């Protein structure tokens, strides 16, 4: 990731928290035919050796054979994004842009044995179900034969992270007047993502006045 400005950089601890809250991203690796990617949920684990991000793919996914313990993978975790028109700013001669938040994790991918599939499934469900306002559901509630067939159809991959890059581009380099003007416009948007970005912009400079 090319971090556009130092003030946009997300430090490692906040990048991990951001990714854990999102829980979903795009995993990418390249073979001789070029890059390949899949959209995946994931679980983050901190171990003595560092950060491990665990994902699963269907056994037939081309990325599975690339997880050879040598090849590097990239996991992209995106947050909200919003277009900003140049005439939203209080000052003149600004250019239109996109505001967004994203984190990249890279490292070597290792294919796990089949006997780790159940543990991964339980961990992923525990994290995902915790987001819902209901009693958790787990794999033990499935019919055993159906559960084992499902688990046998996937492969679990550990991404051993050695590089974390994050960027939160929220116009931190702009003046207070421009900051307020853009935050107001985003707060009026129909898209919830734009409104969430407006809230984050306000949190960056809470001392400013954002009333109409």
N, C-alpha and C. Protein backbone atom coordinates (compact mmCIF):
# COMPACT_ATOMS: atom_id res chain seq x y z
N UNK A 1 0.85 -1.19 0.00
CA UNK A 1 0.00 0.00 0.00
C UNK A 1 0.88 1.24 0.00
N UNK A 2 0.53 2.17 -0.86
CA UNK A 2 1.22 3.45 -0.87
C UNK A 2 0.45 4.41 0.02
N UNK A 3 1.01 4.72 1.19
CA UNK A 3 0.36 5.67 2.10
C UNK A 3 0.59 7.07 1.57
N UNK A 4 -0.48 7.77 1.26
CA UNK A 4 -0.38 9.05 0.57
C UNK A 4 0.28 10.12 1.42
N UNK A 5 -0.05 10.18 2.69
CA UNK A 5 0.53 11.18 3.59
C UNK A 5 0.74 10.53 4.96
N UNK A 6 1.76 10.96 5.69
CA UNK A 6 2.02 10.36 7.02
C UNK A 6 0.83 10.43 7.95
N UNK A 7 0.06 11.53 7.89
CA UNK A 7 -1.08 11.66 8.81
C UNK A 7 -2.24 10.72 8.48
N UNK A 8 -2.19 10.07 7.31
CA UNK A 8 -3.22 9.09 6.96
C UNK A 8 -2.91 7.69 7.52
N UNK A 9 -1.68 7.47 7.94
CA UNK A 9 -1.25 6.13 8.32
C UNK A 9 -1.99 5.62 9.56
N UNK A 10 -2.41 4.37 9.52
CA UNK A 10 -3.02 3.70 10.66
C UNK A 10 -1.95 2.86 11.35
N UNK A 11 -1.70 3.09 12.62
CA UNK A 11 -0.68 2.33 13.33
C UNK A 11 -1.13 0.88 13.51
N UNK A 12 -0.18 0.01 13.81
CA UNK A 12 -0.41 -1.43 13.79
C UNK A 12 -1.55 -1.87 14.71
N UNK A 13 -1.56 -1.40 15.94
CA UNK A 13 -2.60 -1.85 16.88
C UNK A 13 -4.00 -1.46 16.39
N UNK A 14 -4.12 -0.26 15.86
CA UNK A 14 -5.42 0.19 15.35
C UNK A 14 -5.78 -0.53 14.06
N UNK A 15 -4.77 -0.87 13.25
CA UNK A 15 -5.03 -1.63 12.03
C UNK A 15 -5.59 -3.01 12.36
N UNK A 16 -5.04 -3.66 13.36
CA UNK A 16 -5.53 -4.97 13.77
C UNK A 16 -6.95 -4.88 14.32
N UNK A 17 -7.22 -3.84 15.11
CA UNK A 17 -8.56 -3.67 15.65
C UNK A 17 -9.56 -3.40 14.53
N UNK A 18 -9.16 -2.58 13.57
CA UNK A 18 -10.01 -2.27 12.42
C UNK A 18 -10.36 -3.55 11.66
N UNK A 19 -9.34 -4.38 11.37
CA UNK A 19 -9.56 -5.62 10.63
C UNK A 19 -10.42 -6.59 11.41
N UNK A 20 -10.18 -6.71 12.72
CA UNK A 20 -10.97 -7.63 13.54
C UNK A 20 -12.44 -7.22 13.56
N UNK A 21 -12.70 -5.93 13.58
CA UNK A 21 -14.08 -5.45 13.56
C UNK A 21 -14.75 -5.74 12.22
N UNK A 22 -14.00 -5.59 11.13
CA UNK A 22 -14.56 -5.87 9.80
C UNK A 22 -14.77 -7.37 9.59
N UNK A 23 -13.73 -8.17 9.82
CA UNK A 23 -13.86 -9.61 9.74
C UNK A 23 -14.01 -10.20 8.35
N UNK A 24 -13.83 -9.38 7.31
CA UNK A 24 -14.03 -9.86 5.94
C UNK A 24 -13.11 -9.07 5.02
N UNK A 25 -12.52 -9.76 4.03
CA UNK A 25 -11.61 -9.08 3.13
C UNK A 25 -11.39 -9.85 1.84
N UNK A 26 -10.36 -9.45 1.11
CA UNK A 26 -10.00 -10.10 -0.15
C UNK A 26 -8.58 -10.65 -0.01
N UNK A 27 -8.41 -11.95 -0.24
CA UNK A 27 -7.10 -12.58 -0.19
C UNK A 27 -6.58 -12.73 -1.62
N UNK A 28 -5.32 -12.35 -1.83
CA UNK A 28 -4.77 -12.30 -3.18
C UNK A 28 -3.39 -12.95 -3.20
N UNK A 29 -3.13 -13.74 -4.24
CA UNK A 29 -1.79 -14.28 -4.51
C UNK A 29 -1.65 -14.41 -6.02
N UNK A 30 -0.43 -14.61 -6.48
CA UNK A 30 -0.19 -14.68 -7.92
C UNK A 30 0.49 -15.99 -8.28
N UNK A 31 0.08 -16.55 -9.42
CA UNK A 31 0.78 -17.68 -10.00
C UNK A 31 1.30 -17.26 -11.37
N UNK A 32 1.70 -18.23 -12.18
CA UNK A 32 2.29 -17.88 -13.48
C UNK A 32 1.29 -17.22 -14.42
N UNK A 33 0.00 -17.36 -14.13
CA UNK A 33 -1.02 -16.75 -14.98
C UNK A 33 -1.43 -15.36 -14.49
N UNK A 34 -0.92 -14.96 -13.35
CA UNK A 34 -1.26 -13.64 -12.83
C UNK A 34 -1.92 -13.71 -11.47
N UNK A 35 -2.45 -12.59 -10.99
CA UNK A 35 -3.05 -12.55 -9.65
C UNK A 35 -4.38 -13.28 -9.59
N UNK A 36 -4.64 -13.87 -8.42
CA UNK A 36 -5.92 -14.53 -8.13
C UNK A 36 -6.41 -14.03 -6.79
N UNK A 37 -7.71 -13.88 -6.64
CA UNK A 37 -8.25 -13.37 -5.39
C UNK A 37 -9.57 -14.02 -5.02
N UNK A 38 -9.86 -14.04 -3.73
CA UNK A 38 -11.13 -14.54 -3.23
C UNK A 38 -11.57 -13.68 -2.04
N UNK A 39 -12.87 -13.52 -1.91
CA UNK A 39 -13.44 -12.79 -0.78
C UNK A 39 -13.64 -13.77 0.37
N UNK A 40 -13.11 -13.43 1.54
CA UNK A 40 -13.08 -14.41 2.64
C UNK A 40 -13.35 -13.75 4.00
N UNK A 41 -14.03 -14.48 4.89
CA UNK A 41 -14.03 -14.09 6.30
C UNK A 41 -12.73 -14.58 6.92
N UNK A 42 -12.36 -14.05 8.08
CA UNK A 42 -11.10 -14.47 8.67
C UNK A 42 -11.13 -14.31 10.19
N UNK A 43 -10.16 -14.94 10.84
CA UNK A 43 -9.97 -14.84 12.28
C UNK A 43 -8.53 -14.40 12.52
N UNK A 44 -8.34 -13.43 13.41
CA UNK A 44 -7.00 -12.95 13.75
C UNK A 44 -6.58 -13.54 15.09
N UNK A 45 -5.38 -14.08 15.14
CA UNK A 45 -4.84 -14.65 16.38
C UNK A 45 -3.46 -14.07 16.64
N UNK A 46 -3.22 -13.68 17.88
CA UNK A 46 -1.89 -13.24 18.29
C UNK A 46 -1.19 -14.40 18.97
N UNK A 47 -0.04 -14.76 18.45
CA UNK A 47 0.75 -15.85 19.03
C UNK A 47 2.13 -15.33 19.39
N UNK A 48 2.90 -16.15 20.08
CA UNK A 48 4.24 -15.72 20.50
C UNK A 48 5.09 -15.31 19.31
N UNK A 49 4.86 -15.96 18.20
CA UNK A 49 5.66 -15.67 17.00
C UNK A 49 5.16 -14.46 16.23
N UNK A 50 3.98 -13.93 16.57
CA UNK A 50 3.44 -12.78 15.87
C UNK A 50 1.96 -12.93 15.58
N UNK A 51 1.52 -12.30 14.52
CA UNK A 51 0.10 -12.28 14.14
C UNK A 51 -0.17 -13.32 13.06
N UNK A 52 -1.20 -14.14 13.29
CA UNK A 52 -1.66 -15.12 12.31
C UNK A 52 -3.08 -14.76 11.91
N UNK A 53 -3.34 -14.68 10.62
CA UNK A 53 -4.70 -14.51 10.13
C UNK A 53 -5.10 -15.80 9.43
N UNK A 54 -6.18 -16.39 9.93
CA UNK A 54 -6.60 -17.69 9.42
C UNK A 54 -7.86 -17.53 8.57
N UNK A 55 -7.82 -18.12 7.38
CA UNK A 55 -8.95 -18.09 6.46
C UNK A 55 -9.26 -19.52 6.03
N UNK A 56 -10.36 -19.70 5.31
CA UNK A 56 -10.62 -20.99 4.67
C UNK A 56 -11.16 -20.74 3.26
N UNK A 57 -10.87 -21.68 2.39
CA UNK A 57 -11.33 -21.66 1.01
C UNK A 57 -11.91 -23.01 0.66
N UNK A 58 -12.73 -23.07 -0.38
CA UNK A 58 -13.16 -24.37 -0.85
C UNK A 58 -11.94 -25.13 -1.38
N UNK A 59 -11.95 -26.42 -1.26
CA UNK A 59 -10.78 -27.22 -1.62
C UNK A 59 -10.38 -27.03 -3.08
N UNK A 60 -11.32 -26.67 -3.94
CA UNK A 60 -11.02 -26.52 -5.37
C UNK A 60 -10.54 -25.12 -5.74
N UNK A 61 -10.48 -24.22 -4.78
CA UNK A 61 -10.04 -22.86 -5.08
C UNK A 61 -8.58 -22.88 -5.52
N UNK A 62 -8.22 -22.22 -6.62
CA UNK A 62 -6.83 -22.21 -7.10
C UNK A 62 -5.82 -21.66 -6.10
N UNK A 63 -6.29 -20.84 -5.16
CA UNK A 63 -5.38 -20.28 -4.17
C UNK A 63 -4.85 -21.34 -3.20
N UNK A 64 -5.58 -22.43 -3.03
CA UNK A 64 -5.18 -23.46 -2.07
C UNK A 64 -3.80 -24.02 -2.41
N UNK A 65 -3.58 -24.36 -3.66
CA UNK A 65 -2.30 -24.94 -4.05
C UNK A 65 -1.16 -23.93 -4.00
N UNK A 66 -1.49 -22.65 -3.92
CA UNK A 66 -0.45 -21.62 -3.83
C UNK A 66 0.03 -21.42 -2.39
N UNK A 67 -0.72 -21.92 -1.42
CA UNK A 67 -0.34 -21.76 -0.01
C UNK A 67 0.68 -22.84 0.34
N UNK A 68 1.90 -22.65 -0.15
CA UNK A 68 2.93 -23.69 -0.06
C UNK A 68 3.98 -23.42 1.00
N UNK A 69 3.73 -22.42 1.86
CA UNK A 69 4.71 -22.10 2.89
C UNK A 69 5.86 -21.26 2.39
N UNK A 70 5.82 -20.85 1.13
CA UNK A 70 6.87 -20.03 0.53
C UNK A 70 6.28 -18.77 -0.11
N UNK A 71 5.18 -18.96 -0.81
CA UNK A 71 4.57 -17.86 -1.56
C UNK A 71 3.91 -16.85 -0.62
N UNK A 72 3.99 -15.58 -1.00
CA UNK A 72 3.39 -14.52 -0.22
C UNK A 72 1.96 -14.24 -0.67
N UNK A 73 1.10 -14.02 0.31
CA UNK A 73 -0.29 -13.65 0.08
C UNK A 73 -0.52 -12.24 0.62
N UNK A 74 -1.57 -11.60 0.12
CA UNK A 74 -1.99 -10.28 0.58
C UNK A 74 -3.46 -10.33 0.95
N UNK A 75 -3.79 -9.87 2.15
CA UNK A 75 -5.18 -9.74 2.57
C UNK A 75 -5.53 -8.26 2.63
N UNK A 76 -6.56 -7.87 1.89
CA UNK A 76 -7.02 -6.48 1.84
C UNK A 76 -8.33 -6.38 2.60
N UNK A 77 -8.36 -5.51 3.60
CA UNK A 77 -9.56 -5.29 4.41
C UNK A 77 -9.99 -3.85 4.21
N UNK A 78 -11.16 -3.65 3.63
CA UNK A 78 -11.64 -2.31 3.33
C UNK A 78 -12.76 -1.91 4.27
N UNK A 79 -12.81 -0.60 4.57
CA UNK A 79 -13.92 -0.05 5.33
C UNK A 79 -14.80 0.79 4.44
N UNK A 80 -15.38 1.81 5.01
CA UNK A 80 -16.26 2.69 4.24
C UNK A 80 -15.46 3.57 3.28
N UNK A 81 -16.12 4.02 2.22
CA UNK A 81 -15.51 4.98 1.30
C UNK A 81 -16.59 5.94 0.81
N UNK A 82 -16.16 7.10 0.37
CA UNK A 82 -17.12 8.11 -0.11
C UNK A 82 -16.44 9.07 -1.06
N UNK A 83 -17.16 9.46 -2.08
CA UNK A 83 -16.68 10.45 -3.04
C UNK A 83 -16.90 11.85 -2.47
N UNK A 84 -15.91 12.71 -2.65
CA UNK A 84 -15.99 14.10 -2.20
C UNK A 84 -15.86 15.00 -3.42
N UNK A 85 -16.89 15.79 -3.69
CA UNK A 85 -16.87 16.70 -4.82
C UNK A 85 -16.00 17.92 -4.51
N UNK A 86 -15.34 18.44 -5.52
CA UNK A 86 -14.44 19.58 -5.29
C UNK A 86 -15.18 20.83 -4.80
N UNK A 87 -16.47 20.98 -5.15
CA UNK A 87 -17.20 22.17 -4.71
C UNK A 87 -17.83 22.02 -3.33
N UNK A 88 -17.50 20.93 -2.62
CA UNK A 88 -17.95 20.80 -1.24
C UNK A 88 -17.06 21.57 -0.27
N UNK A 89 -15.84 21.86 -0.69
CA UNK A 89 -14.90 22.53 0.21
C UNK A 89 -15.26 24.00 0.39
N UNK A 90 -14.84 24.55 1.53
CA UNK A 90 -15.06 25.97 1.78
C UNK A 90 -14.11 26.83 0.95
N UNK A 91 -12.91 26.34 0.73
CA UNK A 91 -11.93 27.08 -0.06
C UNK A 91 -11.99 26.66 -1.53
N UNK A 92 -11.42 27.48 -2.39
CA UNK A 92 -11.44 27.22 -3.82
C UNK A 92 -10.26 26.35 -4.24
N UNK A 93 -10.35 25.85 -5.47
CA UNK A 93 -9.26 25.16 -6.15
C UNK A 93 -8.85 23.85 -5.48
N UNK A 94 -9.81 23.16 -4.89
CA UNK A 94 -9.58 21.79 -4.43
C UNK A 94 -9.99 20.81 -5.53
N UNK A 95 -9.44 19.65 -5.50
CA UNK A 95 -9.82 18.63 -6.47
C UNK A 95 -10.75 17.61 -5.82
N UNK A 96 -11.60 17.01 -6.63
CA UNK A 96 -12.45 15.94 -6.12
C UNK A 96 -11.59 14.75 -5.70
N UNK A 97 -12.09 13.97 -4.75
CA UNK A 97 -11.29 12.86 -4.24
C UNK A 97 -12.20 11.80 -3.63
N UNK A 98 -11.60 10.72 -3.16
CA UNK A 98 -12.32 9.68 -2.41
C UNK A 98 -11.72 9.62 -1.02
N UNK A 99 -12.57 9.55 -0.02
CA UNK A 99 -12.15 9.26 1.34
C UNK A 99 -12.40 7.77 1.61
N UNK A 100 -11.52 7.14 2.39
CA UNK A 100 -11.66 5.71 2.62
C UNK A 100 -10.77 5.26 3.77
N UNK A 101 -11.03 4.04 4.23
CA UNK A 101 -10.16 3.39 5.21
C UNK A 101 -9.90 1.97 4.73
N UNK A 102 -8.65 1.52 4.84
CA UNK A 102 -8.28 0.18 4.39
C UNK A 102 -6.99 -0.25 5.08
N UNK A 103 -6.85 -1.56 5.23
CA UNK A 103 -5.65 -2.14 5.82
C UNK A 103 -5.20 -3.31 4.95
N UNK A 104 -3.88 -3.43 4.75
CA UNK A 104 -3.29 -4.54 4.01
C UNK A 104 -2.42 -5.37 4.95
N UNK A 105 -2.59 -6.69 4.90
CA UNK A 105 -1.75 -7.62 5.65
C UNK A 105 -1.04 -8.53 4.64
N UNK A 106 0.25 -8.67 4.76
CA UNK A 106 0.97 -9.56 3.84
C UNK A 106 1.91 -10.46 4.62
N UNK A 107 2.18 -11.61 4.02
CA UNK A 107 3.06 -12.59 4.64
C UNK A 107 3.00 -13.91 3.88
N UNK A 108 3.65 -14.92 4.42
CA UNK A 108 3.70 -16.23 3.79
C UNK A 108 2.48 -17.06 4.23
N UNK A 109 1.88 -17.76 3.28
CA UNK A 109 0.68 -18.56 3.54
C UNK A 109 1.04 -20.03 3.72
N UNK A 110 0.45 -20.66 4.74
CA UNK A 110 0.70 -22.06 5.06
C UNK A 110 -0.62 -22.82 5.07
N UNK A 111 -0.68 -23.92 4.34
CA UNK A 111 -1.87 -24.75 4.28
C UNK A 111 -1.92 -25.66 5.51
N UNK A 112 -3.05 -25.69 6.22
CA UNK A 112 -3.20 -26.49 7.41
C UNK A 112 -3.76 -27.87 7.08
N UNK A 113 -3.59 -28.79 8.01
CA UNK A 113 -4.12 -30.15 7.82
C UNK A 113 -5.64 -30.16 8.03
N UNK A 114 -6.29 -31.19 7.49
CA UNK A 114 -7.75 -31.28 7.57
C UNK A 114 -8.25 -31.35 9.01
N UNK A 115 -7.44 -31.90 9.91
CA UNK A 115 -7.93 -32.05 11.28
C UNK A 115 -8.03 -30.72 12.02
N UNK A 116 -7.60 -29.62 11.40
CA UNK A 116 -7.74 -28.29 12.01
C UNK A 116 -8.99 -27.56 11.50
N UNK A 117 -9.71 -28.18 10.57
CA UNK A 117 -10.88 -27.51 9.99
C UNK A 117 -11.95 -27.20 11.03
N UNK A 118 -12.21 -28.16 11.94
CA UNK A 118 -13.28 -27.95 12.93
C UNK A 118 -12.91 -26.81 13.88
N UNK A 119 -11.68 -26.76 14.32
CA UNK A 119 -11.26 -25.69 15.21
C UNK A 119 -11.39 -24.33 14.56
N UNK A 120 -11.02 -24.25 13.28
CA UNK A 120 -11.17 -22.99 12.56
C UNK A 120 -12.64 -22.61 12.43
N UNK A 121 -13.47 -23.59 12.10
CA UNK A 121 -14.89 -23.32 11.95
C UNK A 121 -15.51 -22.82 13.24
N UNK A 122 -15.15 -23.44 14.35
CA UNK A 122 -15.67 -23.00 15.64
C UNK A 122 -15.22 -21.57 15.97
N UNK A 123 -13.94 -21.27 15.71
CA UNK A 123 -13.41 -19.94 16.01
C UNK A 123 -14.07 -18.87 15.14
N UNK A 124 -14.24 -19.17 13.86
CA UNK A 124 -14.85 -18.21 12.95
C UNK A 124 -16.31 -17.95 13.31
N UNK A 125 -17.03 -19.01 13.65
CA UNK A 125 -18.43 -18.84 14.04
C UNK A 125 -18.56 -18.03 15.32
N UNK A 126 -17.66 -18.28 16.28
CA UNK A 126 -17.72 -17.55 17.55
C UNK A 126 -17.55 -16.06 17.33
N UNK A 127 -16.61 -15.68 16.46
CA UNK A 127 -16.37 -14.27 16.17
C UNK A 127 -17.55 -13.68 15.40
N UNK A 128 -18.04 -14.39 14.41
CA UNK A 128 -19.11 -13.88 13.55
C UNK A 128 -20.44 -13.78 14.29
N UNK A 129 -20.78 -14.80 15.06
CA UNK A 129 -22.06 -14.80 15.77
C UNK A 129 -22.11 -13.76 16.87
N UNK A 130 -20.95 -13.39 17.40
CA UNK A 130 -20.91 -12.38 18.46
C UNK A 130 -21.40 -11.03 17.96
N UNK A 131 -21.42 -10.84 16.64
CA UNK A 131 -21.88 -9.57 16.08
C UNK A 131 -23.40 -9.48 16.03
N UNK A 132 -24.09 -10.60 16.22
CA UNK A 132 -25.54 -10.62 16.05
C UNK A 132 -26.26 -10.57 17.39
N UNK A 133 -27.41 -9.90 17.45
CA UNK A 133 -28.18 -9.78 18.70
C UNK A 133 -29.06 -11.00 18.95
N UNK A 134 -28.44 -12.17 19.05
CA UNK A 134 -29.19 -13.40 19.27
C UNK A 134 -28.29 -14.43 19.93
N UNK A 135 -28.89 -15.51 20.34
CA UNK A 135 -28.11 -16.60 20.93
C UNK A 135 -27.18 -17.19 19.85
N UNK A 136 -25.93 -17.50 20.21
CA UNK A 136 -25.00 -18.04 19.21
C UNK A 136 -25.41 -19.42 18.72
N UNK A 137 -25.02 -19.70 17.49
CA UNK A 137 -25.23 -21.01 16.87
C UNK A 137 -23.85 -21.60 16.61
N UNK A 138 -23.70 -22.93 16.80
CA UNK A 138 -22.40 -23.54 16.54
C UNK A 138 -22.56 -24.82 15.74
N UNK A 139 -21.43 -25.35 15.31
CA UNK A 139 -21.43 -26.53 14.43
C UNK A 139 -22.01 -27.76 15.09
N UNK A 140 -22.00 -27.82 16.41
CA UNK A 140 -22.55 -28.98 17.12
C UNK A 140 -24.04 -29.14 16.86
N UNK A 141 -24.70 -28.09 16.41
CA UNK A 141 -26.13 -28.16 16.15
C UNK A 141 -26.46 -28.72 14.77
N UNK A 142 -25.44 -28.96 13.97
CA UNK A 142 -25.66 -29.56 12.66
C UNK A 142 -25.75 -31.07 12.76
N UNK A 143 -26.42 -31.66 11.80
CA UNK A 143 -26.41 -33.11 11.69
C UNK A 143 -24.96 -33.56 11.45
N UNK A 144 -24.45 -34.52 12.24
CA UNK A 144 -23.02 -34.88 12.15
C UNK A 144 -22.54 -35.19 10.74
N UNK A 145 -23.30 -35.96 9.98
CA UNK A 145 -22.85 -36.32 8.63
C UNK A 145 -22.75 -35.10 7.73
N UNK A 146 -23.71 -34.18 7.86
CA UNK A 146 -23.68 -32.95 7.07
C UNK A 146 -22.50 -32.08 7.49
N UNK A 147 -22.27 -32.00 8.80
CA UNK A 147 -21.16 -31.18 9.30
C UNK A 147 -19.82 -31.69 8.80
N UNK A 148 -19.61 -33.00 8.85
CA UNK A 148 -18.32 -33.55 8.42
C UNK A 148 -18.12 -33.40 6.93
N UNK A 149 -19.20 -33.54 6.15
CA UNK A 149 -19.10 -33.33 4.71
C UNK A 149 -18.71 -31.89 4.39
N UNK A 150 -19.31 -30.97 5.10
CA UNK A 150 -19.02 -29.56 4.88
C UNK A 150 -17.57 -29.24 5.26
N UNK A 151 -17.13 -29.72 6.40
CA UNK A 151 -15.76 -29.45 6.86
C UNK A 151 -14.72 -30.08 5.93
N UNK A 152 -15.05 -31.22 5.36
CA UNK A 152 -14.11 -31.89 4.47
C UNK A 152 -13.95 -31.16 3.14
N UNK A 153 -14.90 -30.26 2.83
CA UNK A 153 -14.86 -29.56 1.53
C UNK A 153 -14.03 -28.28 1.55
N UNK A 154 -13.47 -27.93 2.71
CA UNK A 154 -12.71 -26.70 2.80
C UNK A 154 -11.25 -26.98 3.15
N UNK A 155 -10.39 -25.97 2.92
CA UNK A 155 -9.00 -26.02 3.37
C UNK A 155 -8.70 -24.74 4.13
N UNK A 156 -8.01 -24.90 5.24
CA UNK A 156 -7.69 -23.78 6.11
C UNK A 156 -6.26 -23.31 5.82
N UNK A 157 -6.09 -22.00 5.76
CA UNK A 157 -4.79 -21.39 5.46
C UNK A 157 -4.44 -20.39 6.55
N UNK A 158 -3.21 -20.48 7.04
CA UNK A 158 -2.66 -19.50 7.97
C UNK A 158 -1.82 -18.49 7.20
N UNK A 159 -2.15 -17.23 7.33
CA UNK A 159 -1.30 -16.17 6.79
C UNK A 159 -0.43 -15.65 7.93
N UNK A 160 0.86 -15.94 7.85
CA UNK A 160 1.80 -15.49 8.88
C UNK A 160 2.22 -14.06 8.53
N UNK A 161 1.64 -13.12 9.23
CA UNK A 161 1.78 -11.71 8.86
C UNK A 161 3.15 -11.17 9.25
N UNK A 162 3.81 -10.54 8.29
CA UNK A 162 5.07 -9.87 8.58
C UNK A 162 5.06 -8.40 8.16
N UNK A 163 3.95 -7.96 7.57
CA UNK A 163 3.83 -6.55 7.19
C UNK A 163 2.38 -6.11 7.31
N UNK A 164 2.17 -4.99 8.01
CA UNK A 164 0.83 -4.42 8.20
C UNK A 164 0.88 -2.96 7.74
N UNK A 165 0.00 -2.62 6.80
CA UNK A 165 -0.08 -1.26 6.29
C UNK A 165 -1.53 -0.81 6.31
N UNK A 166 -1.77 0.35 6.87
CA UNK A 166 -3.13 0.86 6.93
C UNK A 166 -3.22 2.33 6.61
N UNK A 167 -4.35 2.73 6.05
CA UNK A 167 -4.54 4.13 5.68
C UNK A 167 -5.97 4.56 5.96
N UNK A 168 -6.10 5.67 6.67
CA UNK A 168 -7.40 6.29 6.93
C UNK A 168 -7.36 7.68 6.32
N UNK A 169 -7.89 7.80 5.13
CA UNK A 169 -7.81 9.06 4.37
C UNK A 169 -9.09 9.86 4.63
N UNK A 170 -9.01 10.77 5.59
CA UNK A 170 -10.18 11.55 5.99
C UNK A 170 -9.89 13.05 5.94
N UNK A 171 -9.11 13.46 4.95
CA UNK A 171 -8.81 14.88 4.74
C UNK A 171 -8.12 15.53 5.93
N UNK A 172 -7.26 14.73 6.62
CA UNK A 172 -6.56 15.27 7.79
C UNK A 172 -5.67 16.47 7.45
N UNK A 173 -5.28 16.60 6.19
CA UNK A 173 -4.36 17.68 5.80
C UNK A 173 -5.08 18.96 5.41
N UNK A 174 -6.40 18.94 5.47
CA UNK A 174 -7.16 20.13 5.05
C UNK A 174 -7.39 21.09 6.23
N UNK A 175 -7.74 22.32 5.91
CA UNK A 175 -8.02 23.33 6.92
C UNK A 175 -9.27 22.97 7.72
N UNK A 176 -9.45 23.62 8.87
CA UNK A 176 -10.64 23.38 9.68
C UNK A 176 -11.91 23.70 8.89
N UNK A 177 -11.89 24.77 8.13
CA UNK A 177 -13.07 25.17 7.36
C UNK A 177 -13.43 24.12 6.31
N UNK A 178 -12.43 23.61 5.62
CA UNK A 178 -12.68 22.57 4.63
C UNK A 178 -13.12 21.27 5.30
N UNK A 179 -12.51 20.98 6.42
CA UNK A 179 -12.86 19.76 7.17
C UNK A 179 -14.34 19.78 7.56
N UNK A 180 -14.79 20.88 8.11
CA UNK A 180 -16.18 21.01 8.52
C UNK A 180 -17.12 20.93 7.32
N UNK A 181 -16.76 21.62 6.25
CA UNK A 181 -17.63 21.65 5.07
C UNK A 181 -17.84 20.27 4.49
N UNK A 182 -16.77 19.48 4.38
CA UNK A 182 -16.89 18.13 3.82
C UNK A 182 -17.65 17.21 4.78
N UNK A 183 -17.37 17.31 6.07
CA UNK A 183 -18.08 16.48 7.04
C UNK A 183 -19.58 16.74 7.01
N UNK A 184 -19.98 17.98 6.84
CA UNK A 184 -21.40 18.31 6.74
C UNK A 184 -22.04 17.66 5.53
N UNK A 185 -21.37 17.71 4.40
CA UNK A 185 -21.90 17.11 3.18
C UNK A 185 -22.05 15.60 3.32
N UNK A 186 -21.05 14.96 3.89
CA UNK A 186 -21.11 13.51 4.07
C UNK A 186 -22.22 13.12 5.05
N UNK A 187 -22.43 13.94 6.07
CA UNK A 187 -23.47 13.65 7.06
C UNK A 187 -24.86 13.70 6.46
N UNK A 188 -25.02 14.43 5.34
CA UNK A 188 -26.33 14.55 4.68
C UNK A 188 -26.58 13.43 3.67
N UNK A 189 -25.58 12.61 3.41
CA UNK A 189 -25.70 11.60 2.35
C UNK A 189 -26.71 10.51 2.71
N UNK A 190 -27.25 9.88 1.69
CA UNK A 190 -28.16 8.76 1.91
C UNK A 190 -27.41 7.51 2.33
N UNK A 191 -26.17 7.36 1.86
CA UNK A 191 -25.40 6.15 2.15
C UNK A 191 -24.91 6.17 3.60
N UNK A 192 -25.14 5.06 4.29
CA UNK A 192 -24.71 4.98 5.69
C UNK A 192 -23.20 5.04 5.82
N UNK A 193 -22.47 4.52 4.81
CA UNK A 193 -21.02 4.57 4.85
C UNK A 193 -20.50 5.99 4.86
N UNK A 194 -21.11 6.86 4.06
CA UNK A 194 -20.72 8.26 4.04
C UNK A 194 -20.98 8.91 5.39
N UNK A 195 -22.10 8.58 6.00
CA UNK A 195 -22.43 9.17 7.30
C UNK A 195 -21.48 8.66 8.38
N UNK A 196 -21.06 7.41 8.27
CA UNK A 196 -20.09 6.91 9.24
C UNK A 196 -18.75 7.62 9.10
N UNK A 197 -18.34 7.90 7.87
CA UNK A 197 -17.09 8.65 7.66
C UNK A 197 -17.23 10.06 8.22
N UNK A 198 -18.40 10.67 8.08
CA UNK A 198 -18.61 12.00 8.65
C UNK A 198 -18.43 11.97 10.17
N UNK A 199 -18.93 10.93 10.81
CA UNK A 199 -18.77 10.80 12.26
C UNK A 199 -17.29 10.68 12.63
N UNK A 200 -16.53 9.95 11.83
CA UNK A 200 -15.10 9.80 12.12
C UNK A 200 -14.36 11.12 11.91
N UNK A 201 -14.76 11.87 10.90
CA UNK A 201 -14.15 13.18 10.68
C UNK A 201 -14.43 14.10 11.86
N UNK A 202 -15.64 14.06 12.36
CA UNK A 202 -15.98 14.89 13.52
C UNK A 202 -15.16 14.47 14.74
N UNK A 203 -14.95 13.17 14.89
CA UNK A 203 -14.17 12.68 16.04
C UNK A 203 -12.71 13.13 15.97
N UNK A 204 -12.20 13.34 14.75
CA UNK A 204 -10.82 13.80 14.60
C UNK A 204 -10.64 15.23 15.10
N UNK A 205 -11.68 16.06 14.94
CA UNK A 205 -11.60 17.47 15.36
C UNK A 205 -12.90 17.83 16.11
N UNK A 206 -13.07 17.26 17.28
CA UNK A 206 -14.33 17.47 18.01
C UNK A 206 -14.55 18.90 18.48
N UNK A 207 -13.50 19.71 18.49
CA UNK A 207 -13.62 21.08 18.97
C UNK A 207 -14.29 22.01 17.96
N UNK A 208 -14.46 21.54 16.72
CA UNK A 208 -15.05 22.40 15.68
C UNK A 208 -16.57 22.35 15.74
N UNK A 209 -17.20 23.33 15.11
CA UNK A 209 -18.67 23.42 15.09
C UNK A 209 -19.18 22.85 13.77
N UNK A 210 -20.07 21.87 13.88
CA UNK A 210 -20.58 21.19 12.68
C UNK A 210 -22.08 21.46 12.46
N UNK A 211 -22.65 22.38 13.21
CA UNK A 211 -24.08 22.67 13.03
C UNK A 211 -24.31 23.29 11.66
N UNK A 212 -25.53 23.11 11.11
CA UNK A 212 -25.85 23.71 9.81
C UNK A 212 -25.69 25.23 9.84
